[in-house]
Amino acid sequence: MKASCISRRIKRNVVCEGYAKAFKYLCDGSTFENSLIECYIITGTMSDGKESEGHMWNHVRMDDGKIYLVDVTNCDSNSVGYPYKLFLAGGKKVSSTTWLNL
């Protein structure tokens, strides 16, 4: 089943794809003072050092020209980034598939 921004399931549960698409939808519908701010959906793999799995998150290019990581899924309660560790987090792209949080 393909996930969307809003799940059609009765309980309204979403996974990382729903979080990332919803965040992009909200960014795209927002008016910022600087039109250079852009939001992108990123797909890749997330690893905890033991296991890895597919994941989706966002990058936001701010008006300073830098790209910041936004992982709304992992900012949710009881997640590794709770509450704001992975929201507009600075980072460094080290390869086409790896992003290090700084």
C-alpha atoms as a PDB file:
ATOM      1  CA  MET A   1       0.000   0.000   0.000  1.00  0.00           C
ATOM      2  CA  LYS A   2       1.450   3.380  -0.976  1.00  0.00           C
ATOM      3  CA  ALA A   3       1.483   5.869   1.896  1.00  0.00           C
ATOM      4  CA  SER A   4       0.286   9.429   1.478  1.00  0.00           C
ATOM      5  CA  CYS A   5       0.516  12.640   3.439  1.00  0.00           C
ATOM      6  CA  ILE A   6      -2.632  11.603   5.295  1.00  0.00           C
ATOM      7  CA  SER A   7      -3.290   7.948   5.914  1.00  0.00           C
ATOM      8  CA  ARG A   8      -6.656   6.567   4.876  1.00  0.00           C
ATOM      9  CA  ARG A   9      -6.593   4.087   7.707  1.00  0.00           C
ATOM     10  CA  ILE A  10      -9.220   4.570  10.375  1.00  0.00           C
ATOM     11  CA  LYS A  11      -6.662   5.199  13.125  1.00  0.00           C
ATOM     12  CA  ARG A  12      -4.886   7.811  10.976  1.00  0.00           C
ATOM     13  CA  ASN A  13      -1.460   6.286  11.538  1.00  0.00           C
ATOM     14  CA  VAL A  14       1.420   7.369   9.337  1.00  0.00           C
ATOM     15  CA  VAL A  15       5.031   6.345   8.986  1.00  0.00           C
ATOM     16  CA  CYS A  16       8.055   8.408   7.974  1.00  0.00           C
ATOM     17  CA  GLU A  17       6.725   8.931   4.443  1.00  0.00           C
ATOM     18  CA  GLY A  18       3.556  10.524   5.811  1.00  0.00           C
ATOM     19  CA  TYR A  19       5.493  12.763   8.191  1.00  0.00           C
ATOM     20  CA  ALA A  20       7.908  13.910   5.467  1.00  0.00           C
ATOM     21  CA  LYS A  21       5.157  14.556   2.912  1.00  0.00           C
ATOM     22  CA  ALA A  22       3.029  16.417   5.464  1.00  0.00           C
ATOM     23  CA  PHE A  23       5.976  18.616   6.467  1.00  0.00           C
ATOM     24  CA  LYS A  24       6.712  19.439   2.808  1.00  0.00           C
ATOM     25  CA  TYR A  25       3.027  20.161   2.208  1.00  0.00           C
ATOM     26  CA  LEU A  26       3.015  22.613   5.134  1.00  0.00           C
ATOM     27  CA  CYS A  27       6.242  24.271   3.956  1.00  0.00           C
ATOM     28  CA  ASP A  28       4.956  24.589   0.383  1.00  0.00           C
ATOM     29  CA  GLY A  29       1.751  26.180   1.651  1.00  0.00           C
ATOM     30  CA  SER A  30       3.570  28.664   3.890  1.00  0.00           C
ATOM     31  CA  THR A  31       4.626  32.180   3.018  1.00  0.00           C
ATOM     32  CA  PHE A  32       8.145  33.016   4.167  1.00  0.00           C
ATOM     33  CA  GLU A  33       9.717  36.480   4.205  1.00  0.00           C
ATOM     34  CA  ASN A  34      12.486  35.120   2.019  1.00  0.00           C
ATOM     35  CA  SER A  35      11.433  33.150  -1.043  1.00  0.00           C
ATOM     36  CA  LEU A  36      14.794  31.321  -1.084  1.00  0.00           C
ATOM     37  CA  ILE A  37      13.598  28.911   1.629  1.00  0.00           C
ATOM     38  CA  GLU A  38      12.875  25.510   0.065  1.00  0.00           C
ATOM     39  CA  CYS A  39      11.880  22.108   1.433  1.00  0.00           C
ATOM     40  CA  TYR A  40      12.865  18.778  -0.122  1.00  0.00           C
ATOM     41  CA  ILE A  41      11.830  15.185   0.570  1.00  0.00           C
ATOM     42  CA  ILE A  42      14.790  12.820   0.985  1.00  0.00           C
ATOM     43  CA  THR A  43      14.666   9.037   0.846  1.00  0.00           C
ATOM     44  CA  GLY A  44      17.417   6.765   2.032  1.00  0.00           C
ATOM     45  CA  THR A  45      18.407   4.401   4.778  1.00  0.00           C
ATOM     46  CA  MET A  46      18.449   5.000   8.517  1.00  0.00           C
ATOM     47  CA  SER A  47      20.754   2.938  10.692  1.00  0.00           C
ATOM     48  CA  ASP A  48      21.163   2.583  14.440  1.00  0.00           C
ATOM     49  CA  GLY A  49      24.512   0.864  13.998  1.00  0.00           C
ATOM     50  CA  LYS A  50      22.995  -2.617  14.220  1.00  0.00           C
ATOM     51  CA  GLU A  51      20.141  -2.586  11.716  1.00  0.00           C
ATOM     52  CA  SER A  52      19.143  -0.336   8.848  1.00  0.00           C
ATOM     53  CA  GLU A  53      15.874   0.290   7.076  1.00  0.00           C
ATOM     54  CA  GLY A  54      14.338   2.586   4.482  1.00  0.00           C
ATOM     55  CA  HIS A  55      13.473   6.056   5.740  1.00  0.00           C
ATOM     56  CA  MET A  56      12.134   9.393   4.480  1.00  0.00           C
ATOM     57  CA  TRP A  57      12.875  12.848   5.902  1.00  0.00           C
ATOM     58  CA  ASN A  58      13.298  16.447   4.765  1.00  0.00           C
ATOM     59  CA  HIS A  59      16.044  18.906   3.996  1.00  0.00           C
ATOM     60  CA  VAL A  60      15.285  22.616   4.211  1.00  0.00           C
ATOM     61  CA  ARG A  61      17.455  25.170   2.414  1.00  0.00           C
ATOM     62  CA  MET A  62      17.254  28.297   4.533  1.00  0.00           C
ATOM     63  CA  ASP A  63      17.865  31.876   3.487  1.00  0.00           C
ATOM     64  CA  ASP A  64      21.514  31.560   4.593  1.00  0.00           C
ATOM     65  CA  GLY A  65      21.969  29.044   1.740  1.00  0.00           C
ATOM     66  CA  LYS A  66      22.673  26.171   4.125  1.00  0.00           C
ATOM     67  CA  ILE A  67      20.721  22.918   4.148  1.00  0.00           C
ATOM     68  CA  TYR A  68      19.294  21.691   7.435  1.00  0.00           C
ATOM     69  CA  LEU A  69      17.939  18.249   8.276  1.00  0.00           C
ATOM     70  CA  VAL A  70      14.345  17.889   9.466  1.00  0.00           C
ATOM     71  CA  ASP A  71      13.301  14.420  10.590  1.00  0.00           C
ATOM     72  CA  VAL A  72       9.793  14.933  11.948  1.00  0.00           C
ATOM     73  CA  THR A  73       9.327  11.186  12.459  1.00  0.00           C
ATOM     74  CA  ASN A  74      12.251  11.023  14.869  1.00  0.00           C
ATOM     75  CA  CYS A  75      11.207  14.236  16.643  1.00  0.00           C
ATOM     76  CA  ASP A  76       7.997  12.532  17.739  1.00  0.00           C
ATOM     77  CA  SER A  77       7.710  11.528  21.403  1.00  0.00           C
ATOM     78  CA  ASN A  78       9.803   8.531  22.493  1.00  0.00           C
ATOM     79  CA  SER A  79      12.021   8.849  19.408  1.00  0.00           C
ATOM     80  CA  VAL A  80      15.758   9.350  19.117  1.00  0.00           C
ATOM     81  CA  GLY A  81      15.400  13.013  18.123  1.00  0.00           C
ATOM     82  CA  TYR A  82      12.732  14.017  20.630  1.00  0.00           C
ATOM     83  CA  PRO A  83      11.864  16.814  21.047  1.00  0.00           C
ATOM     84  CA  TYR A  84      13.876  18.986  18.603  1.00  0.00           C
ATOM     85  CA  LYS A  85      17.249  17.293  18.112  1.00  0.00           C
ATOM     86  CA  LEU A  86      16.503  16.540  14.448  1.00  0.00           C
ATOM     87  CA  PHE A  87      14.494  19.662  13.584  1.00  0.00           C
ATOM     88  CA  LEU A  88      16.506  22.092  11.458  1.00  0.00           C
ATOM     89  CA  ALA A  89      19.621  20.292  12.649  1.00  0.00           C
ATOM     90  CA  GLY A  90      22.913  21.332  11.169  1.00  0.00           C
ATOM     91  CA  GLY A  91      24.793  18.612   9.437  1.00  0.00           C
ATOM     92  CA  LYS A  92      27.302  17.639   6.850  1.00  0.00           C
ATOM     93  CA  LYS A  93      26.761  15.529   3.762  1.00  0.00           C
ATOM     94  CA  VAL A  94      29.634  13.062   3.595  1.00  0.00           C
ATOM     95  CA  SER A  95      28.425  10.991   0.627  1.00  0.00           C
ATOM     96  CA  SER A  96      25.395  10.616  -1.585  1.00  0.00           C
ATOM     97  CA  THR A  97      23.799   8.382   1.062  1.00  0.00           C
ATOM     98  CA  THR A  98      25.236   9.634   4.365  1.00  0.00           C
ATOM     99  CA  TRP A  99      24.394  12.728   6.423  1.00  0.00           C
ATOM    100  CA  LEU A 100      26.172  13.379   9.730  1.00  0.00           C
ATOM    101  CA  ASN A 101      24.421  15.410  12.413  1.00  0.00           C
ATOM    102  CA  LEU A 102      26.687  17.997  13.957  1.00  0.00           C
END
